Amino acid sequence: MDWVLEDRRRRALESDDLDLHFQPEISCVTGDIIGAEALMRWNEPEIGAISPDVFIELAESTGQMNSRSIEYL
């Protein structure tokens, strides 16, 4: 199934189907927003939601994502 996901992931990148969401980080002491975490999401039309653990590992194993890519995101 990895090759199927790899093909679909490649198409998702080409068609801009990955979504970037931001989750606020809130101080438990003050209740203020102190930062944000960037979260990548992929909802594949035929398969459904693909876990970031799966698609990021796939991108790393094929050499299409490395620590520099993550810094860029």
PDB file of N, CA and C in Angstrom:
ATOM      1  N   MET A   1       0.821  -1.196   0.000  1.00  0.00           N
ATOM      2  CA  MET A   1       0.000   0.000   0.000  1.00  0.00           C
ATOM      3  C   MET A   1       0.864   1.260   0.000  1.00  0.00           C
ATOM      4  N   ASP A   2       2.154   1.139   0.403  1.00  0.00           N
ATOM      5  CA  ASP A   2       3.017   2.315   0.428  1.00  0.00           C
ATOM      6  C   ASP A   2       3.114   2.990  -0.931  1.00  0.00           C
ATOM      7  N   TRP A   3       3.227   2.205  -1.992  1.00  0.00           N
ATOM      8  CA  TRP A   3       3.356   2.823  -3.328  1.00  0.00           C
ATOM      9  C   TRP A   3       2.076   3.542  -3.721  1.00  0.00           C
ATOM     10  N   VAL A   4       0.919   3.020  -3.278  1.00  0.00           N
ATOM     11  CA  VAL A   4      -0.352   3.693  -3.566  1.00  0.00           C
ATOM     12  C   VAL A   4      -0.395   5.027  -2.835  1.00  0.00           C
ATOM     13  N   LEU A   5      -0.038   4.998  -1.550  1.00  0.00           N
ATOM     14  CA  LEU A   5      -0.020   6.242  -0.774  1.00  0.00           C
ATOM     15  C   LEU A   5       1.006   7.223  -1.314  1.00  0.00           C
ATOM     16  N   GLU A   6       2.162   6.717  -1.728  1.00  0.00           N
ATOM     17  CA  GLU A   6       3.192   7.601  -2.274  1.00  0.00           C
ATOM     18  C   GLU A   6       2.679   8.314  -3.519  1.00  0.00           C
ATOM     19  N   ASP A   7       2.023   7.583  -4.398  1.00  0.00           N
ATOM     20  CA  ASP A   7       1.468   8.189  -5.614  1.00  0.00           C
ATOM     21  C   ASP A   7       0.406   9.233  -5.253  1.00  0.00           C
ATOM     22  N   ARG A   8      -0.446   8.907  -4.320  1.00  0.00           N
ATOM     23  CA  ARG A   8      -1.509   9.837  -3.922  1.00  0.00           C
ATOM     24  C   ARG A   8      -0.942  11.039  -3.171  1.00  0.00           C
ATOM     25  N   ARG A   9       0.107  10.806  -2.377  1.00  0.00           N
ATOM     26  CA  ARG A   9       0.742  11.919  -1.667  1.00  0.00           C
ATOM     27  C   ARG A   9       1.383  12.877  -2.662  1.00  0.00           C
ATOM     28  N   ARG A  10       2.032  12.311  -3.670  1.00  0.00           N
ATOM     29  CA  ARG A  10       2.654  13.147  -4.699  1.00  0.00           C
ATOM     30  C   ARG A  10       1.591  13.995  -5.405  1.00  0.00           C
ATOM     31  N   ARG A  11       0.453  13.377  -5.726  1.00  0.00           N
ATOM     32  CA  ARG A  11      -0.638  14.124  -6.360  1.00  0.00           C
ATOM     33  C   ARG A  11      -1.212  15.173  -5.414  1.00  0.00           C
ATOM     34  N   ALA A  12      -1.289  14.853  -4.132  1.00  0.00           N
ATOM     35  CA  ALA A  12      -1.810  15.814  -3.153  1.00  0.00           C
ATOM     36  C   ALA A  12      -0.908  17.045  -3.081  1.00  0.00           C
ATOM     37  N   LEU A  13       0.398  16.833  -3.153  1.00  0.00           N
ATOM     38  CA  LEU A  13       1.331  17.964  -3.140  1.00  0.00           C
ATOM     39  C   LEU A  13       1.174  18.811  -4.397  1.00  0.00           C
ATOM     40  N   GLU A  14       1.033  18.140  -5.534  1.00  0.00           N
ATOM     41  CA  GLU A  14       0.896  18.853  -6.803  1.00  0.00           C
ATOM     42  C   GLU A  14      -0.396  19.657  -6.873  1.00  0.00           C
ATOM     43  N   SER A  15      -1.461  19.139  -6.264  1.00  0.00           N
ATOM     44  CA  SER A  15      -2.758  19.815  -6.341  1.00  0.00           C
ATOM     45  C   SER A  15      -3.073  20.608  -5.072  1.00  0.00           C
ATOM     46  N   ASP A  16      -2.064  20.747  -4.199  1.00  0.00           N
ATOM     47  CA  ASP A  16      -2.215  21.550  -2.985  1.00  0.00           C
ATOM     48  C   ASP A  16      -3.348  21.036  -2.088  1.00  0.00           C
ATOM     49  N   ASP A  17      -3.400  19.708  -1.901  1.00  0.00           N
ATOM     50  CA  ASP A  17      -4.449  19.087  -1.095  1.00  0.00           C
ATOM     51  C   ASP A  17      -4.094  18.899   0.373  1.00  0.00           C
ATOM     52  N   LEU A  18      -2.893  19.260   0.765  1.00  0.00           N
ATOM     53  CA  LEU A  18      -2.532  19.192   2.184  1.00  0.00           C
ATOM     54  C   LEU A  18      -2.941  20.499   2.840  1.00  0.00           C
ATOM     55  N   ASP A  19      -3.538  20.396   4.012  1.00  0.00           N
ATOM     56  CA  ASP A  19      -4.005  21.585   4.722  1.00  0.00           C
ATOM     57  C   ASP A  19      -3.116  21.878   5.916  1.00  0.00           C
ATOM     58  N   LEU A  20      -2.823  23.141   6.113  1.00  0.00           N
ATOM     59  CA  LEU A  20      -2.041  23.576   7.257  1.00  0.00           C
ATOM     60  C   LEU A  20      -2.981  24.258   8.251  1.00  0.00           C
ATOM     61  N   HIS A  21      -2.967  23.757   9.472  1.00  0.00           N
ATOM     62  CA  HIS A  21      -3.802  24.312  10.539  1.00  0.00           C
ATOM     63  C   HIS A  21      -2.886  24.794  11.659  1.00  0.00           C
ATOM     64  N   PHE A  22      -3.335  25.792  12.377  1.00  0.00           N
ATOM     65  CA  PHE A  22      -2.565  26.293  13.513  1.00  0.00           C
ATOM     66  C   PHE A  22      -3.369  26.091  14.779  1.00  0.00           C
ATOM     67  N   GLN A  23      -2.715  25.495  15.769  1.00  0.00           N
ATOM     68  CA  GLN A  23      -3.331  25.252  17.066  1.00  0.00           C
ATOM     69  C   GLN A  23      -2.660  26.158  18.084  1.00  0.00           C
ATOM     70  N   PRO A  24      -3.420  27.010  18.755  1.00  0.00           N
ATOM     71  CA  PRO A  24      -2.801  27.924  19.708  1.00  0.00           C
ATOM     72  C   PRO A  24      -2.257  27.190  20.936  1.00  0.00           C
ATOM     73  N   GLU A  25      -1.165  27.707  21.446  1.00  0.00           N
ATOM     74  CA  GLU A  25      -0.624  27.247  22.723  1.00  0.00           C
ATOM     75  C   GLU A  25      -0.986  28.301  23.746  1.00  0.00           C
ATOM     76  N   ILE A  26      -1.643  27.886  24.816  1.00  0.00           N
ATOM     77  CA  ILE A  26      -2.184  28.821  25.796  1.00  0.00           C
ATOM     78  C   ILE A  26      -1.530  28.591  27.149  1.00  0.00           C
ATOM     79  N   SER A  27      -1.123  29.667  27.791  1.00  0.00           N
ATOM     80  CA  SER A  27      -0.525  29.605  29.114  1.00  0.00           C
ATOM     81  C   SER A  27      -1.586  29.169  30.132  1.00  0.00           C
ATOM     82  N   CYS A  28      -1.260  28.153  30.906  1.00  0.00           N
ATOM     83  CA  CYS A  28      -2.176  27.702  31.959  1.00  0.00           C
ATOM     84  C   CYS A  28      -2.266  28.727  33.085  1.00  0.00           C
ATOM     85  N   VAL A  29      -1.253  29.549  33.224  1.00  0.00           N
ATOM     86  CA  VAL A  29      -1.216  30.535  34.307  1.00  0.00           C
ATOM     87  C   VAL A  29      -2.034  31.774  33.961  1.00  0.00           C
ATOM     88  N   THR A  30      -1.795  32.321  32.755  1.00  0.00           N
ATOM     89  CA  THR A  30      -2.434  33.594  32.399  1.00  0.00           C
ATOM     90  C   THR A  30      -3.620  33.450  31.448  1.00  0.00           C
ATOM     91  N   GLY A  31      -3.688  32.324  30.746  1.00  0.00           N
ATOM     92  CA  GLY A  31      -4.726  32.148  29.739  1.00  0.00           C
ATOM     93  C   GLY A  31      -4.394  32.830  28.423  1.00  0.00           C
ATOM     94  N   ASP A  32      -3.212  33.467  28.343  1.00  0.00           N
ATOM     95  CA  ASP A  32      -2.780  34.155  27.128  1.00  0.00           C
ATOM     96  C   ASP A  32      -2.284  33.149  26.082  1.00  0.00           C
ATOM     97  N   ILE A  33      -2.454  33.509  24.812  1.00  0.00           N
ATOM     98  CA  ILE A  33      -1.862  32.724  23.739  1.00  0.00           C
ATOM     99  C   ILE A  33      -0.373  33.039  23.717  1.00  0.00           C
ATOM    100  N   ILE A  34       0.450  31.992  23.830  1.00  0.00           N
ATOM    101  CA  ILE A  34       1.900  32.189  23.901  1.00  0.00           C
ATOM    102  C   ILE A  34       2.627  31.649  22.671  1.00  0.00           C
ATOM    103  N   GLY A  35       1.883  31.040  21.772  1.00  0.00           N
ATOM    104  CA  GLY A  35       2.495  30.500  20.562  1.00  0.00           C
ATOM    105  C   GLY A  35       1.459  29.736  19.770  1.00  0.00           C
ATOM    106  N   ALA A  36       1.938  29.062  18.745  1.00  0.00           N
ATOM    107  CA  ALA A  36       1.051  28.244  17.921  1.00  0.00           C
ATOM    108  C   ALA A  36       1.841  27.065  17.368  1.00  0.00           C
ATOM    109  N   GLU A  37       1.157  25.962  17.222  1.00  0.00           N
ATOM    110  CA  GLU A  37       1.740  24.767  16.638  1.00  0.00           C
ATOM    111  C   GLU A  37       1.143  24.601  15.246  1.00  0.00           C
ATOM    112  N   ALA A  38       1.997  24.405  14.253  1.00  0.00           N
ATOM    113  CA  ALA A  38       1.535  24.186  12.883  1.00  0.00           C
ATOM    114  C   ALA A  38       1.278  22.692  12.691  1.00  0.00           C
ATOM    115  N   LEU A  39       0.089  22.360  12.195  1.00  0.00           N
ATOM    116  CA  LEU A  39      -0.303  20.966  12.004  1.00  0.00           C
ATOM    117  C   LEU A  39      -0.686  20.737  10.543  1.00  0.00           C
ATOM    118  N   MET A  40      -0.060  19.761   9.912  1.00  0.00           N
ATOM    119  CA  MET A  40      -0.370  19.425   8.531  1.00  0.00           C
ATOM    120  C   MET A  40      -1.417  18.324   8.528  1.00  0.00           C
ATOM    121  N   ARG A  41      -2.429  18.466   7.687  1.00  0.00           N
ATOM    122  CA  ARG A  41      -3.511  17.484   7.573  1.00  0.00           C
ATOM    123  C   ARG A  41      -3.716  17.103   6.112  1.00  0.00           C
ATOM    124  N   TRP A  42      -4.026  15.830   5.884  1.00  0.00           N
ATOM    125  CA  TRP A  42      -4.280  15.335   4.549  1.00  0.00           C
ATOM    126  C   TRP A  42      -5.537  14.477   4.590  1.00  0.00           C
ATOM    127  N   ASN A  43      -6.569  14.917   3.918  1.00  0.00           N
ATOM    128  CA  ASN A  43      -7.798  14.142   3.804  1.00  0.00           C
ATOM    129  C   ASN A  43      -7.885  13.646   2.361  1.00  0.00           C
ATOM    130  N   GLU A  44      -7.427  12.428   2.119  1.00  0.00           N
ATOM    131  CA  GLU A  44      -7.375  11.848   0.780  1.00  0.00           C
ATOM    132  C   GLU A  44      -8.799  11.500   0.352  1.00  0.00           C
ATOM    133  N   PRO A  45      -9.230  11.968  -0.832  1.00  0.00           N
ATOM    134  CA  PRO A  45     -10.620  11.791  -1.256  1.00  0.00           C
ATOM    135  C   PRO A  45     -11.137  10.348  -1.229  1.00  0.00           C
ATOM    136  N   GLU A  46     -10.316   9.371  -1.593  1.00  0.00           N
ATOM    137  CA  GLU A  46     -10.781   7.984  -1.653  1.00  0.00           C
ATOM    138  C   GLU A  46     -10.526   7.207  -0.366  1.00  0.00           C
ATOM    139  N   ILE A  47      -9.474   7.544   0.350  1.00  0.00           N
ATOM    140  CA  ILE A  47      -9.095   6.798   1.555  1.00  0.00           C
ATOM    141  C   ILE A  47      -9.646   7.460   2.811  1.00  0.00           C
ATOM    142  N   GLY A  48      -9.685   8.775   2.807  1.00  0.00           N
ATOM    143  CA  GLY A  48     -10.103   9.512   4.001  1.00  0.00           C
ATOM    144  C   GLY A  48      -8.901  10.161   4.667  1.00  0.00           C
ATOM    145  N   ALA A  49      -9.026  10.435   5.944  1.00  0.00           N
ATOM    146  CA  ALA A  49      -7.959  11.118   6.682  1.00  0.00           C
ATOM    147  C   ALA A  49      -6.734  10.221   6.801  1.00  0.00           C
ATOM    148  N   ILE A  50      -5.575  10.766   6.432  1.00  0.00           N
ATOM    149  CA  ILE A  50      -4.298  10.063   6.543  1.00  0.00           C
ATOM    150  C   ILE A  50      -3.529  10.706   7.690  1.00  0.00           C
ATOM    151  N   SER A  51      -3.101   9.902   8.628  1.00  0.00           N
ATOM    152  CA  SER A  51      -2.371  10.401   9.786  1.00  0.00           C
ATOM    153  C   SER A  51      -1.046  11.046   9.364  1.00  0.00           C
ATOM    154  N   PRO A  52      -0.690  12.179   9.994  1.00  0.00           N
ATOM    155  CA  PRO A  52       0.617  12.781   9.698  1.00  0.00           C
ATOM    156  C   PRO A  52       1.767  11.811   9.945  1.00  0.00           C
ATOM    157  N   ASP A  53       1.622  10.922  10.928  1.00  0.00           N
ATOM    158  CA  ASP A  53       2.668   9.925  11.181  1.00  0.00           C
ATOM    159  C   ASP A  53       2.927   9.080   9.939  1.00  0.00           C
ATOM    160  N   VAL A  54       1.882   8.816   9.176  1.00  0.00           N
ATOM    161  CA  VAL A  54       2.010   7.994   7.971  1.00  0.00           C
ATOM    162  C   VAL A  54       2.589   8.802   6.823  1.00  0.00           C
ATOM    163  N   PHE A  55       1.984   9.962   6.498  1.00  0.00           N
ATOM    164  CA  PHE A  55       2.444  10.661   5.296  1.00  0.00           C
ATOM    165  C   PHE A  55       3.778  11.364   5.482  1.00  0.00           C
ATOM    166  N   ILE A  56       4.122  11.781   6.683  1.00  0.00           N
ATOM    167  CA  ILE A  56       5.442  12.391   6.895  1.00  0.00           C
ATOM    168  C   ILE A  56       6.522  11.315   6.832  1.00  0.00           C
ATOM    169  N   GLU A  57       6.280  10.157   7.444  1.00  0.00           N
ATOM    170  CA  GLU A  57       7.251   9.058   7.362  1.00  0.00           C
ATOM    171  C   GLU A  57       7.450   8.621   5.912  1.00  0.00           C
ATOM    172  N   LEU A  58       6.373   8.582   5.151  1.00  0.00           N
ATOM    173  CA  LEU A  58       6.454   8.223   3.735  1.00  0.00           C
ATOM    174  C   LEU A  58       7.297   9.235   2.964  1.00  0.00           C
ATOM    175  N   ALA A  59       7.083  10.511   3.211  1.00  0.00           N
ATOM    176  CA  ALA A  59       7.850  11.555   2.529  1.00  0.00           C
ATOM    177  C   ALA A  59       9.331  11.479   2.904  1.00  0.00           C
ATOM    178  N   GLU A  60       9.615  11.199   4.176  1.00  0.00           N
ATOM    179  CA  GLU A  60      11.015  11.078   4.605  1.00  0.00           C
ATOM    180  C   GLU A  60      11.678   9.857   3.973  1.00  0.00           C
ATOM    181  N   SER A  61      10.957   8.733   3.906  1.00  0.00           N
ATOM    182  CA  SER A  61      11.554   7.503   3.380  1.00  0.00           C
ATOM    183  C   SER A  61      11.823   7.582   1.878  1.00  0.00           C
ATOM    184  N   THR A  62      11.127   8.464   1.175  1.00  0.00           N
ATOM    185  CA  THR A  62      11.355   8.618  -0.261  1.00  0.00           C
ATOM    186  C   THR A  62      12.283   9.790  -0.573  1.00  0.00           C
ATOM    187  N   GLY A  63      12.816  10.424   0.482  1.00  0.00           N
ATOM    188  CA  GLY A  63      13.767  11.513   0.294  1.00  0.00           C
ATOM    189  C   GLY A  63      13.136  12.837  -0.078  1.00  0.00           C
ATOM    190  N   GLN A  64      11.825  12.948   0.068  1.00  0.00           N
ATOM    191  CA  GLN A  64      11.156  14.188  -0.316  1.00  0.00           C
ATOM    192  C   GLN A  64      10.932  15.128   0.857  1.00  0.00           C
ATOM    193  N   MET A  65      11.288  14.698   2.035  1.00  0.00           N
ATOM    194  CA  MET A  65      11.183  15.576   3.202  1.00  0.00           C
ATOM    195  C   MET A  65      12.341  15.248   4.131  1.00  0.00           C
ATOM    196  N   ASN A  66      12.957  16.293   4.642  1.00  0.00           N
ATOM    197  CA  ASN A  66      14.028  16.137   5.616  1.00  0.00           C
ATOM    198  C   ASN A  66      13.866  17.234   6.667  1.00  0.00           C
ATOM    199  N   SER A  67      14.808  17.359   7.570  1.00  0.00           N
ATOM    200  CA  SER A  67      14.675  18.358   8.630  1.00  0.00           C
ATOM    201  C   SER A  67      14.588  19.766   8.060  1.00  0.00           C
ATOM    202  N   ARG A  68      15.231  20.023   6.924  1.00  0.00           N
ATOM    203  CA  ARG A  68      15.166  21.335   6.282  1.00  0.00           C
ATOM    204  C   ARG A  68      13.754  21.613   5.777  1.00  0.00           C
ATOM    205  N   SER A  69      13.091  20.608   5.219  1.00  0.00           N
ATOM    206  CA  SER A  69      11.705  20.760   4.758  1.00  0.00           C
ATOM    207  C   SER A  69      10.791  21.118   5.906  1.00  0.00           C
ATOM    208  N   ILE A  70      10.978  20.471   7.026  1.00  0.00           N
ATOM    209  CA  ILE A  70      10.144  20.715   8.202  1.00  0.00           C
ATOM    210  C   ILE A  70      10.349  22.135   8.698  1.00  0.00           C
ATOM    211  N   GLU A  71      11.610  22.610   8.688  1.00  0.00           N
ATOM    212  CA  GLU A  71      11.881  23.987   9.095  1.00  0.00           C
ATOM    213  C   GLU A  71      11.169  24.973   8.174  1.00  0.00           C
ATOM    214  N   TYR A  72      11.136  24.655   6.901  1.00  0.00           N
ATOM    215  CA  TYR A  72      10.492  25.529   5.916  1.00  0.00           C
ATOM    216  C   TYR A  72       8.989  25.627   6.154  1.00  0.00           C
ATOM    217  N   LEU A  73       8.373  24.483   6.457  1.00  0.00           N
ATOM    218  CA  LEU A  73       6.933  24.482   6.700  1.00  0.00           C
ATOM    219  C   LEU A  73       6.618  25.355   7.893  1.00  0.00           C
TER     220      LEU A  73
END
